[in-house]
Amino acid sequence: MNSKGQVWGYTLMLGITVVILALAFAPIGQSFVNDAMNVSTASAIGMDCDNSSISSFTKGACVVTDFSLAYFFGGLIFIGVAIITAKLAFGGSE
């Protein structure tokens, strides 16, 4: 196998690894977001997002916190798929 074939295989493995790691760490990230959005406990400080009498700033922080998980892990999955797609589309046999 020449060096171009080795780079192609390595890039494919790298893209798949990024996607798998993003999917594996998503439940852990979800637990951190849930702790941040729930009522404060002895082990976690929360924003109490279900309370209707919180300030507008706290409501905004709750919305940003809720979207941050999807943006972060969606971005990681997008990067992994972009690596795979770029290598398949532009890294053909030369």
Protein backbone atom coordinates (compact mmCIF):
# COMPACT_ATOMS: atom_id res chain seq x y z
CA MET A 1 0.00 0.00 0.00
CA ASN A 2 1.47 3.35 -0.96
CA SER A 3 1.48 6.42 1.28
CA LYS A 4 -1.63 7.94 -0.36
CA GLY A 5 -3.60 4.81 0.45
CA GLN A 6 -2.39 4.91 4.03
CA VAL A 7 -3.42 8.55 4.42
CA TRP A 8 -6.84 7.76 2.95
CA GLY A 9 -7.39 4.95 5.46
CA TYR A 10 -6.11 7.04 8.36
CA THR A 11 -8.41 9.95 7.47
CA LEU A 12 -11.40 7.64 7.20
CA MET A 13 -10.61 6.16 10.62
CA LEU A 14 -10.16 9.65 12.09
CA GLY A 15 -13.56 10.79 10.84
CA ILE A 16 -15.30 7.69 12.15
CA THR A 17 -13.54 8.09 15.51
CA VAL A 18 -14.74 11.69 15.88
CA VAL A 19 -18.34 10.66 15.15
CA ILE A 20 -18.21 7.72 17.58
CA LEU A 21 -16.68 9.81 20.37
CA ALA A 22 -19.31 12.53 19.90
CA LEU A 23 -22.09 9.97 20.17
CA ALA A 24 -20.45 8.28 23.16
CA PHE A 25 -20.04 11.50 25.15
CA ALA A 26 -23.49 12.93 24.38
CA PRO A 27 -25.26 11.26 27.35
CA ILE A 28 -22.57 12.54 29.72
CA GLY A 29 -23.02 16.06 28.37
CA GLN A 30 -26.79 15.70 28.74
CA SER A 31 -26.42 14.89 32.43
CA PHE A 32 -24.31 18.02 32.97
CA VAL A 33 -26.87 20.18 31.15
CA ASN A 34 -29.71 18.65 33.17
CA ASP A 35 -27.85 19.39 36.42
CA ALA A 36 -27.30 22.99 35.33
CA MET A 37 -30.95 23.50 34.38
CA ASN A 38 -32.60 21.82 37.39
CA VAL A 39 -33.07 23.10 40.93
CA SER A 40 -29.89 23.40 43.00
CA THR A 41 -29.01 20.36 45.09
CA ALA A 42 -26.19 19.53 47.48
CA SER A 43 -24.04 18.25 44.61
CA ALA A 44 -24.95 20.67 41.78
CA ILE A 45 -25.86 24.32 41.42
CA GLY A 46 -28.80 24.72 39.05
CA MET A 47 -30.63 27.63 37.46
CA ASP A 48 -34.15 26.31 38.22
CA CYS A 49 -35.31 26.74 34.62
CA ASP A 50 -38.78 25.31 35.32
CA ASN A 51 -39.61 28.18 37.66
CA SER A 52 -41.85 30.77 35.99
CA SER A 53 -40.70 33.65 38.22
CA ILE A 54 -37.03 33.69 37.21
CA SER A 55 -35.54 36.77 35.56
CA SER A 56 -35.27 37.27 31.82
CA PHE A 57 -31.51 36.90 32.03
CA THR A 58 -31.82 33.50 33.71
CA LYS A 59 -34.41 32.44 31.11
CA GLY A 60 -31.96 33.43 28.40
CA ALA A 61 -29.20 31.47 30.12
CA CYS A 62 -31.52 28.46 30.29
CA VAL A 63 -32.23 28.64 26.55
CA VAL A 64 -28.54 29.01 25.68
CA THR A 65 -27.63 26.12 27.99
CA ASP A 66 -30.32 23.95 26.42
CA PHE A 67 -29.10 24.66 22.87
CA SER A 68 -25.40 24.38 23.72
CA LEU A 69 -25.47 20.59 23.91
CA ALA A 70 -27.00 20.23 20.46
CA TYR A 71 -24.61 22.78 18.96
CA PHE A 72 -21.50 21.23 20.49
CA PHE A 73 -22.18 17.58 19.71
CA GLY A 74 -23.86 18.40 16.41
CA GLY A 75 -20.74 20.33 15.47
CA LEU A 76 -18.52 17.39 16.39
CA ILE A 77 -20.63 15.01 14.32
CA PHE A 78 -20.58 17.50 11.44
CA ILE A 79 -16.78 17.70 11.60
CA GLY A 80 -16.46 13.91 11.58
CA VAL A 81 -18.82 13.54 8.63
CA ALA A 82 -17.03 16.39 6.82
CA ILE A 83 -13.69 14.60 7.21
CA ILE A 84 -15.16 11.39 5.80
CA THR A 85 -17.01 13.14 2.97
CA ALA A 86 -14.04 15.29 1.98
CA LYS A 87 -11.78 12.27 1.81
CA LEU A 88 -14.32 10.25 -0.20
CA ALA A 89 -15.17 13.10 -2.57
CA PHE A 90 -11.77 14.71 -3.11
CA GLY A 91 -9.26 12.06 -2.12
CA GLY A 92 -9.81 9.60 -4.93
CA SER A 93 -7.09 7.42 -6.36
CA GLU A 94 -4.46 9.56 -8.01
